[in-house]
């Protein structure tokens, strides 16, 4: 696309599917884990939040649980699906607290940060 936004493929070679609309996720807040030039955090892994991951993320400086109304952010709870930064997912994986992943909604660029086998091992959508 001309604006640097990639709709693209998911990590399993299909068309990228929506990640979450309640709350609305994605760097572009359109429900998908698309990425583009402005997305320096590379928010491309569609993850299902867990208590362990939310605690880990807060411990490394990214509190995803606390609502931030000034940013239109409701705060996340376990079970919510959210586009997380690919390098944060990898850090959580290395710390043994990686959240489950929705492969069909995870952008292919996540493979620059995490191995497909590791993502598949955490898949929630049966797309192994």
C-alpha atoms as a PDB file:
ATOM      1  CA  UNK A   1       0.000   0.000   0.000  1.00  0.00           C
ATOM      2  CA  UNK A   2       1.180   3.499  -0.690  1.00  0.00           C
ATOM      3  CA  UNK A   3       0.874   4.651   2.919  1.00  0.00           C
ATOM      4  CA  UNK A   4       3.287   2.047   4.253  1.00  0.00           C
ATOM      5  CA  UNK A   5       0.523  -0.027   5.882  1.00  0.00           C
ATOM      6  CA  UNK A   6       0.732  -3.765   5.331  1.00  0.00           C
ATOM      7  CA  UNK A   7      -2.485  -5.788   5.420  1.00  0.00           C
ATOM      8  CA  UNK A   8      -0.626  -8.890   4.345  1.00  0.00           C
ATOM      9  CA  UNK A   9      -0.464 -12.498   5.283  1.00  0.00           C
ATOM     10  CA  UNK A  10      -0.583 -14.269   8.573  1.00  0.00           C
ATOM     11  CA  UNK A  11       2.202 -16.498   9.880  1.00  0.00           C
ATOM     12  CA  UNK A  12       0.605 -19.619   8.384  1.00  0.00           C
ATOM     13  CA  UNK A  13       0.401 -18.195   4.854  1.00  0.00           C
ATOM     14  CA  UNK A  14      -3.232 -17.147   4.712  1.00  0.00           C
ATOM     15  CA  UNK A  15      -4.936 -13.776   4.658  1.00  0.00           C
ATOM     16  CA  UNK A  16      -4.561 -11.891   7.941  1.00  0.00           C
ATOM     17  CA  UNK A  17      -7.732 -12.308  10.012  1.00  0.00           C
ATOM     18  CA  UNK A  18      -9.090  -9.902  12.657  1.00  0.00           C
ATOM     19  CA  UNK A  19      -7.646 -10.218  16.146  1.00  0.00           C
ATOM     20  CA  UNK A  20     -10.085  -8.371  18.401  1.00  0.00           C
ATOM     21  CA  UNK A  21     -12.803  -5.767  18.465  1.00  0.00           C
ATOM     22  CA  UNK A  22     -13.736  -5.809  22.168  1.00  0.00           C
ATOM     23  CA  UNK A  23     -11.558  -3.997  22.982  1.00  0.00           C
ATOM     24  CA  UNK A  24     -10.556  -2.826  19.517  1.00  0.00           C
ATOM     25  CA  UNK A  25      -6.918  -3.752  19.006  1.00  0.00           C
ATOM     26  CA  UNK A  26      -4.179  -3.153  16.473  1.00  0.00           C
ATOM     27  CA  UNK A  27      -1.690  -0.366  16.019  1.00  0.00           C
ATOM     28  CA  UNK A  28      -4.239   1.271  13.699  1.00  0.00           C
ATOM     29  CA  UNK A  29      -7.143   0.378  16.044  1.00  0.00           C
ATOM     30  CA  UNK A  30      -8.972  -1.489  13.305  1.00  0.00           C
ATOM     31  CA  UNK A  31      -9.093  -4.895  14.981  1.00  0.00           C
ATOM     32  CA  UNK A  32      -6.186  -6.399  13.014  1.00  0.00           C
ATOM     33  CA  UNK A  33      -2.485  -6.837  13.716  1.00  0.00           C
ATOM     34  CA  UNK A  34      -1.412  -4.986  10.563  1.00  0.00           C
ATOM     35  CA  UNK A  35       1.796  -3.037  10.625  1.00  0.00           C
ATOM     36  CA  UNK A  36       3.366  -0.155   8.766  1.00  0.00           C
ATOM     37  CA  UNK A  37       6.134   2.402   8.871  1.00  0.00           C
ATOM     38  CA  UNK A  38       4.711   4.277  11.878  1.00  0.00           C
ATOM     39  CA  UNK A  39       4.467   1.070  13.945  1.00  0.00           C
ATOM     40  CA  UNK A  40       7.937   1.094  15.463  1.00  0.00           C
ATOM     41  CA  UNK A  41       6.817  -1.431  18.101  1.00  0.00           C
ATOM     42  CA  UNK A  42       5.727  -3.932  15.432  1.00  0.00           C
ATOM     43  CA  UNK A  43       2.373  -4.808  17.068  1.00  0.00           C
ATOM     44  CA  UNK A  44       1.798  -7.950  15.003  1.00  0.00           C
ATOM     45  CA  UNK A  45       1.241 -10.899  17.370  1.00  0.00           C
ATOM     46  CA  UNK A  46      -2.420 -11.558  18.137  1.00  0.00           C
ATOM     47  CA  UNK A  47      -2.259 -12.797  21.701  1.00  0.00           C
ATOM     48  CA  UNK A  48      -4.855 -13.886  24.215  1.00  0.00           C
ATOM     49  CA  UNK A  49      -4.046 -12.149  27.467  1.00  0.00           C
ATOM     50  CA  UNK A  50      -3.184 -14.161  30.568  1.00  0.00           C
ATOM     51  CA  UNK A  51      -2.572 -13.001  34.138  1.00  0.00           C
ATOM     52  CA  UNK A  52       1.061 -14.118  33.827  1.00  0.00           C
ATOM     53  CA  UNK A  53       1.674 -12.167  30.616  1.00  0.00           C
ATOM     54  CA  UNK A  54      -0.054  -9.017  31.891  1.00  0.00           C
ATOM     55  CA  UNK A  55       2.085  -9.130  35.052  1.00  0.00           C
ATOM     56  CA  UNK A  56       5.235  -9.733  32.985  1.00  0.00           C
ATOM     57  CA  UNK A  57       4.442  -6.869  30.617  1.00  0.00           C
ATOM     58  CA  UNK A  58       3.865  -4.495  33.544  1.00  0.00           C
ATOM     59  CA  UNK A  59       7.136  -5.633  35.136  1.00  0.00           C
ATOM     60  CA  UNK A  60       9.071  -4.596  32.028  1.00  0.00           C
ATOM     61  CA  UNK A  61       7.415  -1.194  31.754  1.00  0.00           C
ATOM     62  CA  UNK A  62       4.270  -1.750  29.680  1.00  0.00           C
ATOM     63  CA  UNK A  63       1.203  -1.838  31.940  1.00  0.00           C
ATOM     64  CA  UNK A  64      -1.588  -3.204  29.758  1.00  0.00           C
ATOM     65  CA  UNK A  65      -4.051  -3.710  32.632  1.00  0.00           C
ATOM     66  CA  UNK A  66      -4.609  -0.132  33.754  1.00  0.00           C
ATOM     67  CA  UNK A  67      -7.223   1.831  31.782  1.00  0.00           C
ATOM     68  CA  UNK A  68      -5.883   4.969  30.091  1.00  0.00           C
ATOM     69  CA  UNK A  69      -9.010   6.915  29.052  1.00  0.00           C
ATOM     70  CA  UNK A  70      -6.899   9.756  27.651  1.00  0.00           C
ATOM     71  CA  UNK A  71      -5.683   7.302  25.000  1.00  0.00           C
ATOM     72  CA  UNK A  72      -9.008   5.517  24.587  1.00  0.00           C
ATOM     73  CA  UNK A  73      -7.466   2.431  26.205  1.00  0.00           C
ATOM     74  CA  UNK A  74      -9.807   0.404  28.441  1.00  0.00           C
ATOM     75  CA  UNK A  75      -7.135  -1.764  30.081  1.00  0.00           C
ATOM     76  CA  UNK A  76      -6.881  -5.472  29.340  1.00  0.00           C
ATOM     77  CA  UNK A  77      -8.041  -8.506  31.288  1.00  0.00           C
ATOM     78  CA  UNK A  78      -7.194 -12.185  30.923  1.00  0.00           C
ATOM     79  CA  UNK A  79      -9.006 -13.563  27.887  1.00  0.00           C
ATOM     80  CA  UNK A  80      -8.869 -10.305  25.900  1.00  0.00           C
ATOM     81  CA  UNK A  81      -7.166 -10.542  22.518  1.00  0.00           C
ATOM     82  CA  UNK A  82      -4.597  -7.866  21.752  1.00  0.00           C
ATOM     83  CA  UNK A  83      -1.934  -7.158  19.132  1.00  0.00           C
ATOM     84  CA  UNK A  84       1.288  -7.223  21.106  1.00  0.00           C
ATOM     85  CA  UNK A  85       4.761  -6.216  20.007  1.00  0.00           C
ATOM     86  CA  UNK A  86       6.581  -9.131  18.438  1.00  0.00           C
ATOM     87  CA  UNK A  87       9.731  -8.563  20.475  1.00  0.00           C
ATOM     88  CA  UNK A  88       7.665  -8.399  23.719  1.00  0.00           C
ATOM     89  CA  UNK A  89       6.056 -11.739  22.860  1.00  0.00           C
ATOM     90  CA  UNK A  90       9.522 -13.213  22.290  1.00  0.00           C
ATOM     91  CA  UNK A  91      10.730 -11.789  25.629  1.00  0.00           C
ATOM     92  CA  UNK A  92       7.714 -13.349  27.346  1.00  0.00           C
ATOM     93  CA  UNK A  93       8.414 -16.641  25.577  1.00  0.00           C
ATOM     94  CA  UNK A  94      12.000 -16.583  26.833  1.00  0.00           C
ATOM     95  CA  UNK A  95      10.676 -15.882  30.362  1.00  0.00           C
ATOM     96  CA  UNK A  96       8.209 -18.809  30.041  1.00  0.00           C
ATOM     97  CA  UNK A  97       5.119 -16.566  30.260  1.00  0.00           C
ATOM     98  CA  UNK A  98       4.218 -16.190  26.574  1.00  0.00           C
ATOM     99  CA  UNK A  99       0.500 -15.735  26.031  1.00  0.00           C
ATOM    100  CA  UNK A 100      -1.455 -17.952  23.635  1.00  0.00           C
ATOM    101  CA  UNK A 101      -1.318 -16.839  19.993  1.00  0.00           C
ATOM    102  CA  UNK A 102      -4.012 -16.670  17.314  1.00  0.00           C
ATOM    103  CA  UNK A 103      -1.952 -17.739  14.298  1.00  0.00           C
ATOM    104  CA  UNK A 104      -4.517 -16.724  11.666  1.00  0.00           C
ATOM    105  CA  UNK A 105      -4.547 -13.189  13.113  1.00  0.00           C
ATOM    106  CA  UNK A 106      -0.772 -12.857  13.634  1.00  0.00           C
ATOM    107  CA  UNK A 107       0.992 -10.927  10.872  1.00  0.00           C
ATOM    108  CA  UNK A 108       3.737 -12.753   8.955  1.00  0.00           C
ATOM    109  CA  UNK A 109       6.294 -10.138  10.026  1.00  0.00           C
ATOM    110  CA  UNK A 110       6.207 -11.731  13.502  1.00  0.00           C
ATOM    111  CA  UNK A 111       8.468 -14.405  12.017  1.00  0.00           C
ATOM    112  CA  UNK A 112      11.304 -11.862  12.059  1.00  0.00           C
ATOM    113  CA  UNK A 113      11.144 -12.044  15.870  1.00  0.00           C
ATOM    114  CA  UNK A 114       9.857 -15.510  16.765  1.00  0.00           C
ATOM    115  CA  UNK A 115      10.125 -18.974  15.256  1.00  0.00           C
ATOM    116  CA  UNK A 116       6.979 -20.392  13.700  1.00  0.00           C
ATOM    117  CA  UNK A 117       7.389 -23.527  15.815  1.00  0.00           C
ATOM    118  CA  UNK A 118       7.343 -21.442  18.998  1.00  0.00           C
ATOM    119  CA  UNK A 119       4.239 -19.566  17.844  1.00  0.00           C
ATOM    120  CA  UNK A 120       2.536 -22.842  16.858  1.00  0.00           C
ATOM    121  CA  UNK A 121       3.340 -24.328  20.277  1.00  0.00           C
ATOM    122  CA  UNK A 122       1.289 -21.489  21.787  1.00  0.00           C
ATOM    123  CA  UNK A 123      -1.539 -21.506  19.223  1.00  0.00           C
ATOM    124  CA  UNK A 124      -5.143 -21.214  20.401  1.00  0.00           C
ATOM    125  CA  UNK A 125      -6.774 -21.548  17.003  1.00  0.00           C
ATOM    126  CA  UNK A 126      -5.828 -25.095  16.089  1.00  0.00           C
ATOM    127  CA  UNK A 127      -3.897 -23.952  13.016  1.00  0.00           C
ATOM    128  CA  UNK A 128      -0.899 -26.126  13.730  1.00  0.00           C
END
